[in-house]
Amino acid sequence: MLTLTHIFNVAVSGGLFILIWLVQIIIYPGMVRIPSNDFVNYHAWYVTRITMIVLPLMICEIVIAIAWFFLHDNLVYPIVTNCLVILVWWSTFTFQVPIHKRLQSGKDKSKIRRLVATNWIRTIAWSLKAVIVFVFAAESL
């Protein structure tokens, strides 16, 4: 039987799945197309707006991950997905945030390439998590 926690988990995981693929395939690679003289303003605009979307989703994800761990009898799904959430947070604060901080001072194609390359960690982790959450939800129907 699907619970409210499962439904929220599917919704948040689905949202993060879509968001990360847009970032990975369109937004980050597209940064090289921004003219250098517009880049600082664009980057500040982007970071402010994406933070308003991704931060609440990531906080919800943590709350749901903790709840799912304590409310579920079979701990395999919660343990695996919680490890993926930890991996995403680690990658975010180890790679993506520091690179974005460096990009605040101006366009640097090598930093943008590094942003794209290291973001695969989050893209794969959130994709795997979404698949696991969706499979679990389907099995619970």
Protein backbone atom coordinates (compact mmCIF):
# COMPACT_ATOMS: atom_id res chain seq x y z
CA MET A 1 0.00 0.00 0.00
CA LEU A 2 1.30 3.44 -0.92
CA THR A 3 1.59 5.85 1.97
CA LEU A 4 1.80 9.63 1.94
CA THR A 5 5.56 9.32 2.47
CA HIS A 6 5.85 7.17 -0.66
CA ILE A 7 3.82 9.66 -2.70
CA PHE A 8 5.96 12.60 -1.52
CA ASN A 9 9.10 10.56 -2.21
CA VAL A 10 7.95 9.84 -5.78
CA ALA A 11 7.05 13.51 -6.34
CA VAL A 12 10.32 14.91 -4.95
CA SER A 13 12.48 12.24 -6.62
CA GLY A 14 10.69 12.82 -9.93
CA GLY A 15 11.16 16.57 -9.65
CA LEU A 16 14.86 16.25 -8.87
CA PHE A 17 15.29 13.72 -11.68
CA ILE A 18 13.83 16.13 -14.25
CA LEU A 19 15.69 19.11 -12.80
CA ILE A 20 19.11 17.45 -12.78
CA TRP A 21 18.80 16.25 -16.38
CA LEU A 22 17.83 19.78 -17.50
CA VAL A 23 20.84 21.15 -15.64
CA GLN A 24 23.18 18.45 -16.98
CA ILE A 25 22.12 18.50 -20.62
CA ILE A 26 21.00 22.10 -21.18
CA ILE A 27 21.85 24.60 -18.44
CA TYR A 28 25.46 23.81 -17.48
CA PRO A 29 26.70 23.12 -21.04
CA GLY A 30 24.80 26.22 -22.19
CA MET A 31 26.87 28.43 -19.91
CA VAL A 32 29.71 28.40 -22.45
CA ARG A 33 27.33 30.16 -24.88
CA ILE A 34 26.81 33.15 -22.56
CA PRO A 35 28.95 36.09 -23.74
CA SER A 36 31.81 36.79 -21.33
CA ASN A 37 30.66 40.36 -20.70
CA ASP A 38 27.19 39.10 -19.63
CA PHE A 39 28.34 36.03 -17.73
CA VAL A 40 28.69 37.45 -14.19
CA ASN A 41 25.18 38.92 -14.29
CA TYR A 42 23.73 35.77 -15.89
CA HIS A 43 25.43 33.51 -13.37
CA ALA A 44 24.18 35.52 -10.39
CA TRP A 45 20.67 35.48 -11.87
CA TYR A 46 20.83 31.72 -12.50
CA VAL A 47 22.22 30.77 -9.07
CA THR A 48 19.57 32.82 -7.25
CA ARG A 49 16.71 31.28 -9.20
CA ILE A 50 17.92 27.68 -9.26
CA THR A 51 18.55 27.82 -5.51
CA MET A 52 14.90 28.80 -4.94
CA ILE A 53 13.89 25.59 -6.72
CA VAL A 54 16.53 23.04 -5.78
CA LEU A 55 17.15 23.90 -2.11
CA PRO A 56 13.55 23.31 -0.95
CA LEU A 57 13.47 20.05 -2.95
CA MET A 58 16.75 18.89 -1.41
CA ILE A 59 15.53 19.73 2.10
CA CYS A 60 12.28 17.86 1.44
CA GLU A 61 14.35 14.97 0.14
CA ILE A 62 16.33 14.80 3.40
CA VAL A 63 13.17 14.91 5.53
CA ILE A 64 11.54 12.19 3.41
CA ALA A 65 14.72 10.07 3.49
CA ILE A 66 14.79 10.17 7.29
CA ALA A 67 11.07 9.46 7.55
CA TRP A 68 11.27 6.62 5.03
CA PHE A 69 14.09 5.03 7.01
CA PHE A 70 12.11 5.06 10.27
CA LEU A 71 8.70 4.22 8.81
CA HIS A 72 9.65 1.29 6.61
CA ASP A 73 10.10 -2.34 7.66
CA ASN A 74 12.35 -3.34 4.75
CA LEU A 75 15.42 -1.12 5.13
CA VAL A 76 17.08 -2.05 1.83
CA TYR A 77 15.36 0.69 -0.21
CA PRO A 78 15.78 3.43 2.42
CA ILE A 79 19.44 2.59 3.07
CA VAL A 80 20.34 2.57 -0.64
CA THR A 81 18.42 5.76 -1.41
CA ASN A 82 19.78 7.51 1.69
CA CYS A 83 23.33 6.69 0.56
CA LEU A 84 22.50 8.24 -2.82
CA VAL A 85 21.13 11.36 -1.10
CA ILE A 86 24.33 11.64 0.95
CA LEU A 87 26.36 11.27 -2.27
CA VAL A 88 24.38 14.10 -3.89
CA TRP A 89 24.91 16.43 -0.91
CA TRP A 90 28.62 15.53 -0.79
CA SER A 91 29.01 16.23 -4.51
CA THR A 92 27.04 19.47 -4.27
CA PHE A 93 29.19 20.94 -1.50
CA THR A 94 32.49 19.39 -2.61
CA PHE A 95 32.30 20.22 -6.32
CA GLN A 96 29.35 22.23 -7.62
CA VAL A 97 29.13 24.96 -4.93
CA PRO A 98 32.89 25.73 -5.01
CA ILE A 99 32.88 25.84 -8.82
CA HIS A 100 29.89 28.17 -8.82
CA LYS A 101 31.69 30.40 -6.31
CA ARG A 102 34.65 30.62 -8.68
CA LEU A 103 32.37 31.38 -11.63
CA GLN A 104 30.99 34.40 -9.76
CA SER A 105 34.10 36.32 -10.82
CA GLY A 106 33.69 35.58 -14.52
CA LYS A 107 33.34 33.08 -17.31
CA ASP A 108 35.90 30.30 -17.34
CA LYS A 109 35.30 27.51 -19.86
CA SER A 110 37.52 25.05 -17.99
CA LYS A 111 35.49 25.59 -14.80
CA ILE A 112 32.25 25.15 -16.74
CA ARG A 113 33.59 21.89 -18.22
CA ARG A 114 34.51 20.77 -14.69
CA LEU A 115 31.01 21.71 -13.50
CA VAL A 116 29.48 19.55 -16.24
CA ALA A 117 31.88 16.65 -15.56
CA THR A 118 31.44 16.60 -11.78
CA ASN A 119 27.68 17.07 -12.05
CA TRP A 120 27.43 13.57 -13.52
CA ILE A 121 27.78 12.34 -9.93
CA ARG A 122 24.52 14.04 -8.96
CA THR A 123 22.85 13.18 -12.26
CA ILE A 124 23.55 9.46 -11.85
CA ALA A 125 22.77 9.42 -8.11
CA TRP A 126 19.44 11.23 -8.47
CA SER A 127 18.54 9.09 -11.50
CA LEU A 128 19.25 5.85 -9.62
CA LYS A 129 17.33 7.13 -6.61
CA ALA A 130 14.33 8.03 -8.76
CA VAL A 131 14.32 4.57 -10.36
CA ILE A 132 14.50 2.87 -6.95
CA VAL A 133 11.72 5.06 -5.52
CA PHE A 134 9.52 4.46 -8.56
CA VAL A 135 10.12 0.69 -8.47
CA PHE A 136 9.32 0.60 -4.77
CA ALA A 137 6.13 2.61 -5.33
CA ALA A 138 5.07 0.27 -8.13
CA GLU A 139 5.70 -2.77 -5.93
CA SER A 140 3.63 -1.17 -3.17
CA LEU A 141 0.52 -0.80 -5.35
